[in-house]
Amino acid sequence: QVQLVESGGGLVQPGGSLRLSCAASRSFFSIYTMGWYRQAPGKQRELVAVITGGGTTTYSDSVKGRFTISRDNAKNTVYLQMNSLKPEDTAVYYCNAKNAVTGIGSWGQGTQVTVSS
């Protein structure tokens, strides 16, 4: 099982930017499909963005054009660059790693993102 540690959350004003990072403990990082999910108070956890080992990306409609997911396989790290942040982006953001071979997934502990003036 892979261990994931997120960082980079915080408080930002509307229109601002943040970059989240998620460091994975395992080698062979490139076989994992990595994703960012978020959960706002009183709501279900939802997909934000996913990137495969080969670099194919998928975004939710709510963040398309504002957020960018990327990965550095040499550093076992995935990033989420968030621009033009809105109050509705406020949530706990979770990193997920899914082994593309076994289908087994792991979650990070989450990092809080608050967008408020």
C-alpha atoms as a PDB file:
ATOM      1  CA  GLN A   1       0.000   0.000   0.000  1.00  0.00           C
ATOM      2  CA  VAL A   2       1.297   3.427  -0.894  1.00  0.00           C
ATOM      3  CA  GLN A   3       1.496   6.223   1.678  1.00  0.00           C
ATOM      4  CA  LEU A   4       0.475   9.685   0.498  1.00  0.00           C
ATOM      5  CA  VAL A   5       1.263  13.045   2.092  1.00  0.00           C
ATOM      6  CA  GLU A   6      -0.468  16.182   0.837  1.00  0.00           C
ATOM      7  CA  SER A   7       0.733  19.742   1.360  1.00  0.00           C
ATOM      8  CA  GLY A   8       0.106  23.246   0.059  1.00  0.00           C
ATOM      9  CA  GLY A   9      -3.376  24.002   1.341  1.00  0.00           C
ATOM     10  CA  GLY A  10      -4.307  27.227   3.062  1.00  0.00           C
ATOM     11  CA  LEU A  11      -6.390  30.380   2.986  1.00  0.00           C
ATOM     12  CA  VAL A  12      -6.521  32.387  -0.231  1.00  0.00           C
ATOM     13  CA  GLN A  13      -8.662  35.239  -1.512  1.00  0.00           C
ATOM     14  CA  PRO A  14     -11.057  34.744  -4.427  1.00  0.00           C
ATOM     15  CA  GLY A  15      -9.158  34.933  -7.696  1.00  0.00           C
ATOM     16  CA  GLY A  16      -5.960  33.738  -6.059  1.00  0.00           C
ATOM     17  CA  SER A  17      -3.859  30.641  -6.651  1.00  0.00           C
ATOM     18  CA  LEU A  18      -2.548  27.685  -4.688  1.00  0.00           C
ATOM     19  CA  ARG A  19      -0.484  24.640  -5.599  1.00  0.00           C
ATOM     20  CA  LEU A  20      -1.100  21.367  -3.843  1.00  0.00           C
ATOM     21  CA  SER A  21       1.486  18.611  -3.716  1.00  0.00           C
ATOM     22  CA  CYS A  22       1.122  14.927  -2.937  1.00  0.00           C
ATOM     23  CA  ALA A  23       4.210  12.849  -2.277  1.00  0.00           C
ATOM     24  CA  ALA A  24       3.971   9.067  -2.563  1.00  0.00           C
ATOM     25  CA  SER A  25       6.110   6.629  -0.615  1.00  0.00           C
ATOM     26  CA  ARG A  26       6.313   3.862  -3.177  1.00  0.00           C
ATOM     27  CA  SER A  27       8.625   3.292  -6.065  1.00  0.00           C
ATOM     28  CA  PHE A  28       7.172   2.324  -9.446  1.00  0.00           C
ATOM     29  CA  PHE A  29       5.096   5.489  -9.034  1.00  0.00           C
ATOM     30  CA  SER A  30       4.450   5.593 -12.761  1.00  0.00           C
ATOM     31  CA  ILE A  31       2.045   2.618 -12.577  1.00  0.00           C
ATOM     32  CA  TYR A  32      -0.320   4.590 -10.348  1.00  0.00           C
ATOM     33  CA  THR A  33      -3.173   6.676 -11.656  1.00  0.00           C
ATOM     34  CA  MET A  34      -3.159   9.731  -9.408  1.00  0.00           C
ATOM     35  CA  GLY A  35      -6.138  11.847  -8.575  1.00  0.00           C
ATOM     36  CA  TRP A  36      -7.260  14.821  -6.561  1.00  0.00           C
ATOM     37  CA  TYR A  37     -10.672  14.752  -4.904  1.00  0.00           C
ATOM     38  CA  ARG A  38     -12.363  17.239  -2.611  1.00  0.00           C
ATOM     39  CA  GLN A  39     -15.050  17.212   0.016  1.00  0.00           C
ATOM     40  CA  ALA A  40     -16.885  20.315   1.188  1.00  0.00           C
ATOM     41  CA  PRO A  41     -18.848  20.361   4.476  1.00  0.00           C
ATOM     42  CA  GLY A  42     -22.112  18.476   4.120  1.00  0.00           C
ATOM     43  CA  LYS A  43     -21.264  17.236   0.633  1.00  0.00           C
ATOM     44  CA  GLN A  44     -19.949  14.019  -0.869  1.00  0.00           C
ATOM     45  CA  ARG A  45     -16.369  13.627  -1.939  1.00  0.00           C
ATOM     46  CA  GLU A  46     -16.041  14.504  -5.623  1.00  0.00           C
ATOM     47  CA  LEU A  47     -13.451  14.054  -8.330  1.00  0.00           C
ATOM     48  CA  VAL A  48     -11.410  17.137  -9.198  1.00  0.00           C
ATOM     49  CA  ALA A  49      -8.766  15.810 -11.590  1.00  0.00           C
ATOM     50  CA  VAL A  50      -6.996  12.587 -12.512  1.00  0.00           C
ATOM     51  CA  ILE A  51      -3.740  11.860 -14.314  1.00  0.00           C
ATOM     52  CA  THR A  52      -2.625   8.450 -15.566  1.00  0.00           C
ATOM     53  CA  GLY A  53       0.919   7.156 -15.488  1.00  0.00           C
ATOM     54  CA  GLY A  54       1.223   8.128 -19.134  1.00  0.00           C
ATOM     55  CA  GLY A  55       0.061  11.675 -18.474  1.00  0.00           C
ATOM     56  CA  THR A  56      -3.543  11.559 -19.696  1.00  0.00           C
ATOM     57  CA  THR A  57      -5.645  13.994 -17.686  1.00  0.00           C
ATOM     58  CA  THR A  58      -9.319  14.300 -16.820  1.00  0.00           C
ATOM     59  CA  TYR A  59     -10.998  17.226 -15.060  1.00  0.00           C
ATOM     60  CA  SER A  60     -14.373  17.883 -13.557  1.00  0.00           C
ATOM     61  CA  ASP A  61     -16.355  20.521 -15.420  1.00  0.00           C
ATOM     62  CA  SER A  62     -16.278  22.817 -12.393  1.00  0.00           C
ATOM     63  CA  VAL A  63     -12.471  23.205 -12.484  1.00  0.00           C
ATOM     64  CA  LYS A  64     -11.719  22.781 -16.184  1.00  0.00           C
ATOM     65  CA  GLY A  65      -9.634  25.679 -17.436  1.00  0.00           C
ATOM     66  CA  ARG A  66      -8.671  26.804 -13.916  1.00  0.00           C
ATOM     67  CA  PHE A  67      -6.900  23.800 -12.394  1.00  0.00           C
ATOM     68  CA  THR A  68      -4.003  21.792 -13.794  1.00  0.00           C
ATOM     69  CA  ILE A  69      -2.894  18.376 -12.588  1.00  0.00           C
ATOM     70  CA  SER A  70       0.647  17.225 -13.278  1.00  0.00           C
ATOM     71  CA  ARG A  71       3.091  14.637 -12.033  1.00  0.00           C
ATOM     72  CA  ASP A  72       6.817  14.161 -11.639  1.00  0.00           C
ATOM     73  CA  ASN A  73       7.475  10.426 -11.694  1.00  0.00           C
ATOM     74  CA  ALA A  74      11.115  10.921 -10.725  1.00  0.00           C
ATOM     75  CA  LYS A  75       9.986  12.592  -7.486  1.00  0.00           C
ATOM     76  CA  ASN A  76       6.946  10.335  -6.880  1.00  0.00           C
ATOM     77  CA  THR A  77       4.849  13.485  -6.659  1.00  0.00           C
ATOM     78  CA  VAL A  78       1.621  14.772  -8.159  1.00  0.00           C
ATOM     79  CA  TYR A  79       0.603  18.429  -8.184  1.00  0.00           C
ATOM     80  CA  LEU A  80      -2.601  20.398  -8.502  1.00  0.00           C
ATOM     81  CA  GLN A  81      -2.160  23.987  -9.647  1.00  0.00           C
ATOM     82  CA  MET A  82      -5.317  25.905  -8.787  1.00  0.00           C
ATOM     83  CA  ASN A  83      -5.875  29.324 -10.354  1.00  0.00           C
ATOM     84  CA  SER A  84      -8.813  31.745 -10.311  1.00  0.00           C
ATOM     85  CA  LEU A  85     -10.038  30.194  -7.091  1.00  0.00           C
ATOM     86  CA  LYS A  86     -13.643  30.678  -6.075  1.00  0.00           C
ATOM     87  CA  PRO A  87     -15.340  30.404  -2.677  1.00  0.00           C
ATOM     88  CA  GLU A  88     -17.057  27.240  -3.905  1.00  0.00           C
ATOM     89  CA  ASP A  89     -13.626  25.611  -4.247  1.00  0.00           C
ATOM     90  CA  THR A  90     -13.395  25.602  -0.457  1.00  0.00           C
ATOM     91  CA  ALA A  91     -13.022  21.988   0.691  1.00  0.00           C
ATOM     92  CA  VAL A  92     -10.654  19.402   2.048  1.00  0.00           C
ATOM     93  CA  TYR A  93      -8.594  18.157  -0.879  1.00  0.00           C
ATOM     94  CA  TYR A  94      -7.519  14.527  -0.913  1.00  0.00           C
ATOM     95  CA  CYS A  95      -4.883  12.788  -2.985  1.00  0.00           C
ATOM     96  CA  ASN A  96      -5.618   9.307  -4.314  1.00  0.00           C
ATOM     97  CA  ALA A  97      -3.319   6.716  -5.821  1.00  0.00           C
ATOM     98  CA  LYS A  98      -4.781   3.805  -7.735  1.00  0.00           C
ATOM     99  CA  ASN A  99      -2.570   0.943  -8.853  1.00  0.00           C
ATOM    100  CA  ALA A 100      -3.344   0.486 -12.530  1.00  0.00           C
ATOM    101  CA  VAL A 101      -2.474  -3.213 -12.341  1.00  0.00           C
ATOM    102  CA  THR A 102      -4.245  -4.328  -9.134  1.00  0.00           C
ATOM    103  CA  GLY A 103      -6.908  -1.617  -8.890  1.00  0.00           C
ATOM    104  CA  ILE A 104      -6.047  -1.055  -5.228  1.00  0.00           C
ATOM    105  CA  GLY A 105      -6.290   2.563  -4.133  1.00  0.00           C
ATOM    106  CA  SER A 106      -4.881   4.647  -1.264  1.00  0.00           C
ATOM    107  CA  TRP A 107      -5.873   8.017   0.175  1.00  0.00           C
ATOM    108  CA  GLY A 108      -3.912  10.812   1.758  1.00  0.00           C
ATOM    109  CA  GLN A 109      -4.975  12.556   4.948  1.00  0.00           C
ATOM    110  CA  GLY A 110      -6.306  15.635   3.165  1.00  0.00           C
ATOM    111  CA  THR A 111      -5.371  19.308   3.118  1.00  0.00           C
ATOM    112  CA  GLN A 112      -7.759  22.195   3.734  1.00  0.00           C
ATOM    113  CA  VAL A 113      -8.271  24.829   1.057  1.00  0.00           C
ATOM    114  CA  THR A 114     -10.299  27.875   2.038  1.00  0.00           C
ATOM    115  CA  VAL A 115     -11.193  30.579  -0.469  1.00  0.00           C
ATOM    116  CA  SER A 116     -12.513  33.638   1.291  1.00  0.00           C
ATOM    117  CA  SER A 117     -12.079  37.383   1.423  1.00  0.00           C
END
